[in-house]
Amino acid sequence: MTTPDAPADRKKRIAMVDDHTMLREGLQQLIDSQTDMSCCSTAANTQDALRNLEREKPDVLAVDISMPGRNGLELIKDALAL
């Protein structure tokens, strides 16, 4: 998801969805250490991710494709419909 009207000098807001806690937290730290990016939300499953997406409206969505339950591809379809 990208926001076409976002100012160029604003940090890109990234939402992450991954069921592996260590990977999710590590990527969050890496993203937050960048000058042009910030992690606006993280989620371990599709249901939490959709709630976060409605609230946060990120510029970028990083998704683990293979998650238990509803997978990342289904999440992407749902996110595009928001």
C-alpha atoms as a PDB file:
ATOM      1  CA  MET A   1       0.000   0.000   0.000  1.00  0.00           C
ATOM      2  CA  THR A   2       1.372   3.395  -0.878  1.00  0.00           C
ATOM      3  CA  THR A   3      -0.010   6.844  -0.323  1.00  0.00           C
ATOM      4  CA  PRO A   4       0.502   8.957  -3.467  1.00  0.00           C
ATOM      5  CA  ASP A   5      -0.044  12.275  -1.673  1.00  0.00           C
ATOM      6  CA  ALA A   6       2.566  11.667   1.067  1.00  0.00           C
ATOM      7  CA  PRO A   7       5.189  14.456   1.244  1.00  0.00           C
ATOM      8  CA  ALA A   8       8.604  13.326  -0.029  1.00  0.00           C
ATOM      9  CA  ASP A   9      10.422  14.463   3.128  1.00  0.00           C
ATOM     10  CA  ARG A  10       8.112  12.514   5.478  1.00  0.00           C
ATOM     11  CA  LYS A  11       9.303   9.165   6.788  1.00  0.00           C
ATOM     12  CA  LYS A  12       7.710   6.210   5.027  1.00  0.00           C
ATOM     13  CA  ARG A  13       5.434   4.393   7.472  1.00  0.00           C
ATOM     14  CA  ILE A  14       5.813   0.628   7.270  1.00  0.00           C
ATOM     15  CA  ALA A  15       3.471  -2.008   8.698  1.00  0.00           C
ATOM     16  CA  MET A  16       4.846  -5.510   9.190  1.00  0.00           C
ATOM     17  CA  VAL A  17       3.047  -8.822   9.506  1.00  0.00           C
ATOM     18  CA  ASP A  18       4.964 -11.961  10.459  1.00  0.00           C
ATOM     19  CA  ASP A  19       4.157 -14.804  12.811  1.00  0.00           C
ATOM     20  CA  HIS A  20       7.806 -15.124  13.950  1.00  0.00           C
ATOM     21  CA  THR A  21       8.394 -12.768  16.879  1.00  0.00           C
ATOM     22  CA  MET A  22      12.196 -12.594  16.571  1.00  0.00           C
ATOM     23  CA  LEU A  23      12.078 -11.730  12.873  1.00  0.00           C
ATOM     24  CA  ARG A  24       9.299  -9.178  13.380  1.00  0.00           C
ATOM     25  CA  GLU A  25      11.133  -7.421  16.219  1.00  0.00           C
ATOM     26  CA  GLY A  26      14.471  -7.499  14.391  1.00  0.00           C
ATOM     27  CA  LEU A  27      13.002  -5.969  11.241  1.00  0.00           C
ATOM     28  CA  GLN A  28      11.202  -3.358  13.321  1.00  0.00           C
ATOM     29  CA  GLN A  29      14.504  -2.300  14.910  1.00  0.00           C
ATOM     30  CA  LEU A  30      16.215  -2.202  11.509  1.00  0.00           C
ATOM     31  CA  ILE A  31      13.448  -0.100   9.952  1.00  0.00           C
ATOM     32  CA  ASP A  32      13.283   2.284  12.911  1.00  0.00           C
ATOM     33  CA  SER A  33      17.052   2.839  12.709  1.00  0.00           C
ATOM     34  CA  GLN A  34      16.681   4.288   9.195  1.00  0.00           C
ATOM     35  CA  THR A  35      16.332   8.033   8.710  1.00  0.00           C
ATOM     36  CA  ASP A  36      13.636   7.756   6.040  1.00  0.00           C
ATOM     37  CA  MET A  37      11.461   4.949   7.493  1.00  0.00           C
ATOM     38  CA  SER A  38       9.538   4.080  10.632  1.00  0.00           C
ATOM     39  CA  CYS A  39       7.593   1.009  11.651  1.00  0.00           C
ATOM     40  CA  CYS A  40       4.059   2.182  12.420  1.00  0.00           C
ATOM     41  CA  SER A  41       2.652  -1.231  13.361  1.00  0.00           C
ATOM     42  CA  THR A  42       3.456  -4.908  13.690  1.00  0.00           C
ATOM     43  CA  ALA A  43       1.155  -7.904  13.798  1.00  0.00           C
ATOM     44  CA  ALA A  44       1.567 -11.645  14.206  1.00  0.00           C
ATOM     45  CA  ASN A  45      -1.578 -12.604  12.273  1.00  0.00           C
ATOM     46  CA  THR A  46      -3.969 -11.438   9.578  1.00  0.00           C
ATOM     47  CA  GLN A  47      -6.750 -10.391  11.942  1.00  0.00           C
ATOM     48  CA  ASP A  48      -4.521  -8.061  13.988  1.00  0.00           C
ATOM     49  CA  ALA A  49      -2.915  -6.742  10.813  1.00  0.00           C
ATOM     50  CA  LEU A  50      -6.249  -5.691   9.306  1.00  0.00           C
ATOM     51  CA  ARG A  51      -7.185  -3.808  12.475  1.00  0.00           C
ATOM     52  CA  ASN A  52      -3.801  -2.047  12.412  1.00  0.00           C
ATOM     53  CA  LEU A  53      -4.117  -1.180   8.717  1.00  0.00           C
ATOM     54  CA  GLU A  54      -7.470   0.508   9.181  1.00  0.00           C
ATOM     55  CA  ARG A  55      -6.098   2.570  12.057  1.00  0.00           C
ATOM     56  CA  GLU A  56      -2.553   3.350  10.862  1.00  0.00           C
ATOM     57  CA  LYS A  57      -2.881   3.694   7.057  1.00  0.00           C
ATOM     58  CA  PRO A  58       0.785   2.770   6.336  1.00  0.00           C
ATOM     59  CA  ASP A  59       2.681   3.661   3.173  1.00  0.00           C
ATOM     60  CA  VAL A  60       4.133   0.143   2.847  1.00  0.00           C
ATOM     61  CA  LEU A  61       2.914  -3.269   3.985  1.00  0.00           C
ATOM     62  CA  ALA A  62       5.529  -6.021   4.483  1.00  0.00           C
ATOM     63  CA  VAL A  63       3.854  -9.413   4.744  1.00  0.00           C
ATOM     64  CA  ASP A  64       4.989 -12.953   5.496  1.00  0.00           C
ATOM     65  CA  ILE A  65       3.247 -15.036   2.834  1.00  0.00           C
ATOM     66  CA  SER A  66       3.149 -18.304   4.791  1.00  0.00           C
ATOM     67  CA  MET A  67       1.382 -17.796   8.114  1.00  0.00           C
ATOM     68  CA  PRO A  68      -0.953 -20.148   9.971  1.00  0.00           C
ATOM     69  CA  GLY A  69      -4.665 -19.585   9.412  1.00  0.00           C
ATOM     70  CA  ARG A  70      -5.280 -16.946   6.769  1.00  0.00           C
ATOM     71  CA  ASN A  71      -2.064 -16.514   4.817  1.00  0.00           C
ATOM     72  CA  GLY A  72      -0.307 -13.377   3.648  1.00  0.00           C
ATOM     73  CA  LEU A  73      -1.779 -13.485   0.142  1.00  0.00           C
ATOM     74  CA  GLU A  74      -5.277 -13.352   1.589  1.00  0.00           C
ATOM     75  CA  LEU A  75      -4.191 -10.437   3.792  1.00  0.00           C
ATOM     76  CA  ILE A  76      -2.902  -8.523   0.776  1.00  0.00           C
ATOM     77  CA  LYS A  77      -6.240  -9.002  -1.029  1.00  0.00           C
ATOM     78  CA  ASP A  78      -8.115  -7.757   2.056  1.00  0.00           C
ATOM     79  CA  ALA A  79      -5.743  -4.798   2.472  1.00  0.00           C
ATOM     80  CA  LEU A  80      -6.281  -3.688  -1.129  1.00  0.00           C
ATOM     81  CA  ALA A  81     -10.044  -3.706  -0.518  1.00  0.00           C
ATOM     82  CA  LEU A  82      -9.762  -1.276   2.427  1.00  0.00           C
END
